[in-house]
Amino acid sequence: MNHNRYVGVWVTADGYIRHELLANGRYDEARGTRKSAYRGSYRIEGDHILYCDDTGFSADGNFRDGVLYHAGMVLRREITH
C-alpha cells in the first residue's frame, strides 16, 4: 500500500475537523480543541480511503481533485510554509 500521496493533514474550511494521515497507515483526528478525538488505521484503494478507528467504528471517503470527501465533510490538505 502506498499512502504517501495522501499523507499529511486534511482540514475542513472552518478548521474544526483535522485528519492527520500518517505514513504508517494510522490516522489521528482532532475535533475543535479536542486533540486525538479519534485514532485508528486507514487503507487507501485508488482514490478511496477506508478508516477503522481503534474502537472498531469504520467509515470511508474519496479523494477527488485534491479534496477529501468524508461523511458529508469536505477537507483540503493543509499547506504549511
PDB file of N, CA and C in Angstrom:
ATOM      1  N   MET A   1       0.828  -1.189   0.000  1.00  0.00           N
ATOM      2  CA  MET A   1       0.000   0.000   0.000  1.00  0.00           C
ATOM      3  C   MET A   1       0.868   1.246   0.000  1.00  0.00           C
ATOM      4  N   ASN A   2       0.540   2.164  -0.863  1.00  0.00           N
ATOM      5  CA  ASN A   2       1.273   3.428  -0.903  1.00  0.00           C
ATOM      6  C   ASN A   2       0.366   4.538  -0.408  1.00  0.00           C
ATOM      7  N   HIS A   3       0.566   4.947   0.828  1.00  0.00           N
ATOM      8  CA  HIS A   3      -0.225   6.013   1.433  1.00  0.00           C
ATOM      9  C   HIS A   3       0.390   7.384   1.141  1.00  0.00           C
ATOM     10  N   ASN A   4       1.615   7.394   0.643  1.00  0.00           N
ATOM     11  CA  ASN A   4       2.411   8.619   0.609  1.00  0.00           C
ATOM     12  C   ASN A   4       1.754   9.798  -0.091  1.00  0.00           C
ATOM     13  N   ARG A   5       1.003   9.582  -1.153  1.00  0.00           N
ATOM     14  CA  ARG A   5       0.461  10.746  -1.858  1.00  0.00           C
ATOM     15  C   ARG A   5      -0.640  11.455  -1.079  1.00  0.00           C
ATOM     16  N   TYR A   6      -1.195  10.802  -0.059  1.00  0.00           N
ATOM     17  CA  TYR A   6      -2.236  11.425   0.750  1.00  0.00           C
ATOM     18  C   TYR A   6      -1.801  11.715   2.191  1.00  0.00           C
ATOM     19  N   VAL A   7      -0.588  11.373   2.531  1.00  0.00           N
ATOM     20  CA  VAL A   7      -0.077  11.639   3.876  1.00  0.00           C
ATOM     21  C   VAL A   7      -0.068  13.140   4.126  1.00  0.00           C
ATOM     22  N   GLY A   8      -0.472  13.518   5.323  1.00  0.00           N
ATOM     23  CA  GLY A   8      -0.482  14.928   5.699  1.00  0.00           C
ATOM     24  C   GLY A   8      -1.743  15.245   6.474  1.00  0.00           C
ATOM     25  N   VAL A   9      -1.977  16.518   6.668  1.00  0.00           N
ATOM     26  CA  VAL A   9      -3.133  16.976   7.438  1.00  0.00           C
ATOM     27  C   VAL A   9      -4.199  17.493   6.479  1.00  0.00           C
ATOM     28  N   TRP A  10      -5.413  17.006   6.680  1.00  0.00           N
ATOM     29  CA  TRP A  10      -6.584  17.404   5.899  1.00  0.00           C
ATOM     30  C   TRP A  10      -7.537  18.094   6.854  1.00  0.00           C
ATOM     31  N   VAL A  11      -8.060  19.244   6.441  1.00  0.00           N
ATOM     32  CA  VAL A  11      -8.825  20.078   7.374  1.00  0.00           C
ATOM     33  C   VAL A  11     -10.073  20.657   6.697  1.00  0.00           C
ATOM     34  N   THR A  12     -11.147  20.797   7.472  1.00  0.00           N
ATOM     35  CA  THR A  12     -12.353  21.448   6.966  1.00  0.00           C
ATOM     36  C   THR A  12     -12.093  22.949   6.864  1.00  0.00           C
ATOM     37  N   ALA A  13     -12.916  23.640   6.081  1.00  0.00           N
ATOM     38  CA  ALA A  13     -12.725  25.077   5.851  1.00  0.00           C
ATOM     39  C   ALA A  13     -12.740  25.873   7.154  1.00  0.00           C
ATOM     40  N   ASP A  14     -13.548  25.447   8.119  1.00  0.00           N
ATOM     41  CA  ASP A  14     -13.612  26.168   9.394  1.00  0.00           C
ATOM     42  C   ASP A  14     -12.536  25.729  10.385  1.00  0.00           C
ATOM     43  N   GLY A  15     -11.726  24.725  10.000  1.00  0.00           N
ATOM     44  CA  GLY A  15     -10.641  24.250  10.854  1.00  0.00           C
ATOM     45  C   GLY A  15     -11.083  23.370  12.011  1.00  0.00           C
ATOM     46  N   TYR A  16     -12.369  23.057  12.094  1.00  0.00           N
ATOM     47  CA  TYR A  16     -12.889  22.291  13.236  1.00  0.00           C
ATOM     48  C   TYR A  16     -12.454  20.827  13.197  1.00  0.00           C
ATOM     49  N   ILE A  17     -12.462  20.216  12.017  1.00  0.00           N
ATOM     50  CA  ILE A  17     -12.064  18.812  11.859  1.00  0.00           C
ATOM     51  C   ILE A  17     -10.713  18.771  11.173  1.00  0.00           C
ATOM     52  N   ARG A  18      -9.793  17.992  11.754  1.00  0.00           N
ATOM     53  CA  ARG A  18      -8.450  17.837  11.197  1.00  0.00           C
ATOM     54  C   ARG A  18      -8.084  16.355  11.194  1.00  0.00           C
ATOM     55  N   HIS A  19      -7.854  15.814  10.012  1.00  0.00           N
ATOM     56  CA  HIS A  19      -7.401  14.429   9.878  1.00  0.00           C
ATOM     57  C   HIS A  19      -5.915  14.444   9.561  1.00  0.00           C
ATOM     58  N   GLU A  20      -5.129  13.851  10.414  1.00  0.00           N
ATOM     59  CA  GLU A  20      -3.712  13.687  10.105  1.00  0.00           C
ATOM     60  C   GLU A  20      -3.513  12.251   9.654  1.00  0.00           C
ATOM     61  N   LEU A  21      -3.193  12.082   8.375  1.00  0.00           N
ATOM     62  CA  LEU A  21      -2.924  10.768   7.808  1.00  0.00           C
ATOM     63  C   LEU A  21      -1.419  10.532   7.881  1.00  0.00           C
ATOM     64  N   LEU A  22      -1.028   9.526   8.626  1.00  0.00           N
ATOM     65  CA  LEU A  22       0.390   9.230   8.849  1.00  0.00           C
ATOM     66  C   LEU A  22       0.885   8.201   7.834  1.00  0.00           C
ATOM     67  N   ALA A  23       2.164   8.223   7.548  1.00  0.00           N
ATOM     68  CA  ALA A  23       2.756   7.327   6.553  1.00  0.00           C
ATOM     69  C   ALA A  23       2.679   5.857   6.953  1.00  0.00           C
ATOM     70  N   ASN A  24       2.489   5.577   8.226  1.00  0.00           N
ATOM     71  CA  ASN A  24       2.449   4.191   8.691  1.00  0.00           C
ATOM     72  C   ASN A  24       1.046   3.576   8.635  1.00  0.00           C
ATOM     73  N   GLY A  25       0.086   4.280   7.990  1.00  0.00           N
ATOM     74  CA  GLY A  25      -1.259   3.746   7.860  1.00  0.00           C
ATOM     75  C   GLY A  25      -2.169   4.049   9.040  1.00  0.00           C
ATOM     76  N   ARG A  26      -1.730   4.931   9.910  1.00  0.00           N
ATOM     77  CA  ARG A  26      -2.536   5.348  11.060  1.00  0.00           C
ATOM     78  C   ARG A  26      -3.040   6.769  10.824  1.00  0.00           C
ATOM     79  N   TYR A  27      -4.126   7.127  11.507  1.00  0.00           N
ATOM     80  CA  TYR A  27      -4.620   8.495  11.439  1.00  0.00           C
ATOM     81  C   TYR A  27      -4.967   8.975  12.837  1.00  0.00           C
ATOM     82  N   ASP A  28      -5.001  10.284  12.961  1.00  0.00           N
ATOM     83  CA  ASP A  28      -5.369  10.948  14.211  1.00  0.00           C
ATOM     84  C   ASP A  28      -6.306  12.088  13.831  1.00  0.00           C
ATOM     85  N   GLU A  29      -7.509  12.079  14.384  1.00  0.00           N
ATOM     86  CA  GLU A  29      -8.494  13.107  14.063  1.00  0.00           C
ATOM     87  C   GLU A  29      -8.727  14.015  15.257  1.00  0.00           C
ATOM     88  N   ALA A  30      -8.592  15.311  15.021  1.00  0.00           N
ATOM     89  CA  ALA A  30      -8.899  16.315  16.041  1.00  0.00           C
ATOM     90  C   ALA A  30     -10.238  16.949  15.693  1.00  0.00           C
ATOM     91  N   ARG A  31     -10.992  17.292  16.742  1.00  0.00           N
ATOM     92  CA  ARG A  31     -12.278  17.983  16.572  1.00  0.00           C
ATOM     93  C   ARG A  31     -12.283  19.182  17.505  1.00  0.00           C
ATOM     94  N   GLY A  32     -12.281  20.357  16.924  1.00  0.00           N
ATOM     95  CA  GLY A  32     -12.227  21.567  17.733  1.00  0.00           C
ATOM     96  C   GLY A  32     -10.966  21.592  18.568  1.00  0.00           C
ATOM     97  N   THR A  33     -11.115  21.787  19.862  1.00  0.00           N
ATOM     98  CA  THR A  33      -9.956  21.817  20.759  1.00  0.00           C
ATOM     99  C   THR A  33      -9.589  20.425  21.268  1.00  0.00           C
ATOM    100  N   ARG A  34     -10.371  19.430  20.881  1.00  0.00           N
ATOM    101  CA  ARG A  34     -10.126  18.057  21.340  1.00  0.00           C
ATOM    102  C   ARG A  34      -9.153  17.340  20.408  1.00  0.00           C
ATOM    103  N   LYS A  35      -7.896  17.301  20.814  1.00  0.00           N
ATOM    104  CA  LYS A  35      -6.884  16.592  20.040  1.00  0.00           C
ATOM    105  C   LYS A  35      -7.106  15.093  20.186  1.00  0.00           C
ATOM    106  N   SER A  36      -6.781  14.358  19.155  1.00  0.00           N
ATOM    107  CA  SER A  36      -6.896  12.895  19.161  1.00  0.00           C
ATOM    108  C   SER A  36      -8.292  12.441  19.590  1.00  0.00           C
ATOM    109  N   ALA A  37      -9.319  13.100  19.049  1.00  0.00           N
ATOM    110  CA  ALA A  37     -10.699  12.697  19.343  1.00  0.00           C
ATOM    111  C   ALA A  37     -10.942  11.281  18.845  1.00  0.00           C
ATOM    112  N   TYR A  38     -10.354  10.959  17.703  1.00  0.00           N
ATOM    113  CA  TYR A  38     -10.439   9.613  17.135  1.00  0.00           C
ATOM    114  C   TYR A  38      -9.076   9.243  16.587  1.00  0.00           C
ATOM    115  N   ARG A  39      -8.730   7.982  16.751  1.00  0.00           N
ATOM    116  CA  ARG A  39      -7.472   7.446  16.207  1.00  0.00           C
ATOM    117  C   ARG A  39      -7.756   6.074  15.646  1.00  0.00           C
ATOM    118  N   GLY A  40      -6.962   5.688  14.675  1.00  0.00           N
ATOM    119  CA  GLY A  40      -7.129   4.350  14.126  1.00  0.00           C
ATOM    120  C   GLY A  40      -6.241   4.137  12.923  1.00  0.00           C
ATOM    121  N   SER A  41      -6.648   3.198  12.106  1.00  0.00           N
ATOM    122  CA  SER A  41      -5.876   2.881  10.909  1.00  0.00           C
ATOM    123  C   SER A  41      -6.693   3.281   9.684  1.00  0.00           C
ATOM    124  N   TYR A  42      -6.005   3.409   8.584  1.00  0.00           N
ATOM    125  CA  TYR A  42      -6.684   3.677   7.321  1.00  0.00           C
ATOM    126  C   TYR A  42      -6.013   2.880   6.218  1.00  0.00           C
ATOM    127  N   ARG A  43      -6.780   2.673   5.163  1.00  0.00           N
ATOM    128  CA  ARG A  43      -6.290   1.944   3.998  1.00  0.00           C
ATOM    129  C   ARG A  43      -6.740   2.723   2.765  1.00  0.00           C
ATOM    130  N   ILE A  44      -5.846   2.843   1.805  1.00  0.00           N
ATOM    131  CA  ILE A  44      -6.143   3.539   0.561  1.00  0.00           C
ATOM    132  C   ILE A  44      -6.272   2.506  -0.552  1.00  0.00           C
ATOM    133  N   GLU A  45      -7.346   2.620  -1.309  1.00  0.00           N
ATOM    134  CA  GLU A  45      -7.546   1.794  -2.505  1.00  0.00           C
ATOM    135  C   GLU A  45      -7.866   2.750  -3.645  1.00  0.00           C
ATOM    136  N   GLY A  46      -6.877   3.026  -4.482  1.00  0.00           N
ATOM    137  CA  GLY A  46      -7.054   4.033  -5.530  1.00  0.00           C
ATOM    138  C   GLY A  46      -7.219   5.397  -4.893  1.00  0.00           C
ATOM    139  N   ASP A  47      -8.388   6.012  -5.106  1.00  0.00           N
ATOM    140  CA  ASP A  47      -8.691   7.313  -4.505  1.00  0.00           C
ATOM    141  C   ASP A  47      -9.720   7.178  -3.392  1.00  0.00           C
ATOM    142  N   HIS A  48      -9.917   5.971  -2.915  1.00  0.00           N
ATOM    143  CA  HIS A  48     -10.889   5.679  -1.849  1.00  0.00           C
ATOM    144  C   HIS A  48     -10.129   5.412  -0.548  1.00  0.00           C
ATOM    145  N   ILE A  49     -10.609   5.985   0.556  1.00  0.00           N
ATOM    146  CA  ILE A  49      -9.983   5.761   1.861  1.00  0.00           C
ATOM    147  C   ILE A  49     -10.973   5.046   2.767  1.00  0.00           C
ATOM    148  N   LEU A  50     -10.479   4.047   3.454  1.00  0.00           N
ATOM    149  CA  LEU A  50     -11.258   3.293   4.433  1.00  0.00           C
ATOM    150  C   LEU A  50     -10.639   3.520   5.802  1.00  0.00           C
ATOM    151  N   TYR A  51     -11.433   4.024   6.730  1.00  0.00           N
ATOM    152  CA  TYR A  51     -10.978   4.280   8.095  1.00  0.00           C
ATOM    153  C   TYR A  51     -11.514   3.207   9.028  1.00  0.00           C
ATOM    154  N   CYS A  52     -10.740   2.829  10.017  1.00  0.00           N
ATOM    155  CA  CYS A  52     -11.214   1.977  11.107  1.00  0.00           C
ATOM    156  C   CYS A  52     -10.607   2.533  12.389  1.00  0.00           C
ATOM    157  N   ASP A  53     -11.472   3.124  13.249  1.00  0.00           N
ATOM    158  CA  ASP A  53     -10.900   3.693  14.469  1.00  0.00           C
ATOM    159  C   ASP A  53     -10.618   2.595  15.481  1.00  0.00           C
ATOM    160  N   ASP A  54      -9.906   2.948  16.511  1.00  0.00           N
ATOM    161  CA  ASP A  54      -9.444   1.959  17.482  1.00  0.00           C
ATOM    162  C   ASP A  54     -10.574   1.317  18.281  1.00  0.00           C
ATOM    163  N   THR A  55     -11.787   1.875  18.199  1.00  0.00           N
ATOM    164  CA  THR A  55     -12.935   1.256  18.878  1.00  0.00           C
ATOM    165  C   THR A  55     -13.667   0.289  17.959  1.00  0.00           C
ATOM    166  N   GLY A  56     -13.272   0.240  16.664  1.00  0.00           N
ATOM    167  CA  GLY A  56     -13.897  -0.666  15.715  1.00  0.00           C
ATOM    168  C   GLY A  56     -14.864   0.009  14.752  1.00  0.00           C
ATOM    169  N   PHE A  57     -15.161   1.292  14.963  1.00  0.00           N
ATOM    170  CA  PHE A  57     -16.041   2.023  14.055  1.00  0.00           C
ATOM    171  C   PHE A  57     -15.335   2.207  12.722  1.00  0.00           C
ATOM    172  N   SER A  58     -16.063   2.068  11.627  1.00  0.00           N
ATOM    173  CA  SER A  58     -15.445   2.261  10.318  1.00  0.00           C
ATOM    174  C   SER A  58     -16.215   3.298   9.503  1.00  0.00           C
ATOM    175  N   ALA A  59     -15.503   3.927   8.592  1.00  0.00           N
ATOM    176  CA  ALA A  59     -16.069   4.939   7.705  1.00  0.00           C
ATOM    177  C   ALA A  59     -15.203   4.979   6.456  1.00  0.00           C
ATOM    178  N   ASP A  60     -15.658   5.716   5.462  1.00  0.00           N
ATOM    179  CA  ASP A  60     -14.863   5.818   4.249  1.00  0.00           C
ATOM    180  C   ASP A  60     -15.009   7.203   3.636  1.00  0.00           C
ATOM    181  N   GLY A  61     -14.265   7.431   2.582  1.00  0.00           N
ATOM    182  CA  GLY A  61     -14.298   8.694   1.882  1.00  0.00           C
ATOM    183  C   GLY A  61     -13.607   8.556   0.541  1.00  0.00           C
ATOM    184  N   ASN A  62     -13.595   9.646  -0.202  1.00  0.00           N
ATOM    185  CA  ASN A  62     -12.976   9.657  -1.526  1.00  0.00           C
ATOM    186  C   ASN A  62     -12.191  10.941  -1.732  1.00  0.00           C
ATOM    187  N   PHE A  63     -11.060  10.796  -2.408  1.00  0.00           N
ATOM    188  CA  PHE A  63     -10.247  11.935  -2.814  1.00  0.00           C
ATOM    189  C   PHE A  63     -10.605  12.265  -4.262  1.00  0.00           C
ATOM    190  N   ARG A  64     -10.944  13.529  -4.514  1.00  0.00           N
ATOM    191  CA  ARG A  64     -11.226  13.982  -5.874  1.00  0.00           C
ATOM    192  C   ARG A  64     -10.648  15.373  -6.051  1.00  0.00           C
ATOM    193  N   ASP A  65      -9.817  15.500  -7.052  1.00  0.00           N
ATOM    194  CA  ASP A  65      -9.241  16.814  -7.398  1.00  0.00           C
ATOM    195  C   ASP A  65      -8.605  17.503  -6.195  1.00  0.00           C
ATOM    196  N   GLY A  66      -7.872  16.749  -5.396  1.00  0.00           N
ATOM    197  CA  GLY A  66      -7.149  17.315  -4.258  1.00  0.00           C
ATOM    198  C   GLY A  66      -8.015  17.616  -3.054  1.00  0.00           C
ATOM    199  N   VAL A  67      -9.227  17.069  -3.023  1.00  0.00           N
ATOM    200  CA  VAL A  67     -10.155  17.299  -1.917  1.00  0.00           C
ATOM    201  C   VAL A  67     -10.571  15.932  -1.362  1.00  0.00           C
ATOM    202  N   LEU A  68     -10.671  15.839  -0.040  1.00  0.00           N
ATOM    203  CA  LEU A  68     -11.148  14.626   0.622  1.00  0.00           C
ATOM    204  C   LEU A  68     -12.604  14.834   1.018  1.00  0.00           C
ATOM    205  N   TYR A  69     -13.471  13.983   0.498  1.00  0.00           N
ATOM    206  CA  TYR A  69     -14.895  13.983   0.837  1.00  0.00           C
ATOM    207  C   TYR A  69     -15.128  12.817   1.778  1.00  0.00           C
ATOM    208  N   HIS A  70     -15.563  13.120   2.992  1.00  0.00           N
ATOM    209  CA  HIS A  70     -15.706  12.091   4.030  1.00  0.00           C
ATOM    210  C   HIS A  70     -16.893  12.434   4.926  1.00  0.00           C
ATOM    211  N   ALA A  71     -17.869  11.530   4.991  1.00  0.00           N
ATOM    212  CA  ALA A  71     -19.009  11.651   5.913  1.00  0.00           C
ATOM    213  C   ALA A  71     -19.693  13.016   5.838  1.00  0.00           C
ATOM    214  N   GLY A  72     -19.907  13.515   4.629  1.00  0.00           N
ATOM    215  CA  GLY A  72     -20.550  14.806   4.459  1.00  0.00           C
ATOM    216  C   GLY A  72     -19.629  15.999   4.645  1.00  0.00           C
ATOM    217  N   MET A  73     -18.381  15.740   4.950  1.00  0.00           N
ATOM    218  CA  MET A  73     -17.409  16.819   5.150  1.00  0.00           C
ATOM    219  C   MET A  73     -16.532  16.984   3.920  1.00  0.00           C
ATOM    220  N   VAL A  74     -16.019  18.177   3.749  1.00  0.00           N
ATOM    221  CA  VAL A  74     -15.070  18.483   2.687  1.00  0.00           C
ATOM    222  C   VAL A  74     -13.791  18.936   3.373  1.00  0.00           C
ATOM    223  N   LEU A  75     -12.707  18.190   3.136  1.00  0.00           N
ATOM    224  CA  LEU A  75     -11.420  18.504   3.768  1.00  0.00           C
ATOM    225  C   LEU A  75     -10.379  18.764   2.682  1.00  0.00           C
ATOM    226  N   ARG A  76      -9.563  19.760   2.928  1.00  0.00           N
ATOM    227  CA  ARG A  76      -8.482  20.078   1.999  1.00  0.00           C
ATOM    228  C   ARG A  76      -7.145  19.919   2.726  1.00  0.00           C
ATOM    229  N   ARG A  77      -6.160  19.583   1.936  1.00  0.00           N
ATOM    230  CA  ARG A  77      -4.829  19.399   2.525  1.00  0.00           C
ATOM    231  C   ARG A  77      -4.348  20.720   3.109  1.00  0.00           C
ATOM    232  N   GLU A  78      -3.844  20.652   4.341  1.00  0.00           N
ATOM    233  CA  GLU A  78      -3.289  21.830   4.983  1.00  0.00           C
ATOM    234  C   GLU A  78      -1.908  22.104   4.392  1.00  0.00           C
ATOM    235  N   ILE A  79      -1.721  23.316   3.965  1.00  0.00           N
ATOM    236  CA  ILE A  79      -0.434  23.728   3.405  1.00  0.00           C
ATOM    237  C   ILE A  79       0.362  24.417   4.490  1.00  0.00           C
ATOM    238  N   THR A  80       1.558  23.909   4.742  1.00  0.00           N
ATOM    239  CA  THR A  80       2.429  24.541   5.736  1.00  0.00           C
ATOM    240  C   THR A  80       3.561  25.244   5.000  1.00  0.00           C
ATOM    241  N   HIS A  81       3.966  26.337   5.543  1.00  0.00           N
ATOM    242  CA  HIS A  81       5.038  27.131   4.889  1.00  0.00           C
ATOM    243  C   HIS A  81       6.287  27.056   5.706  1.00  0.00           C
TER     244      HIS A  81
END
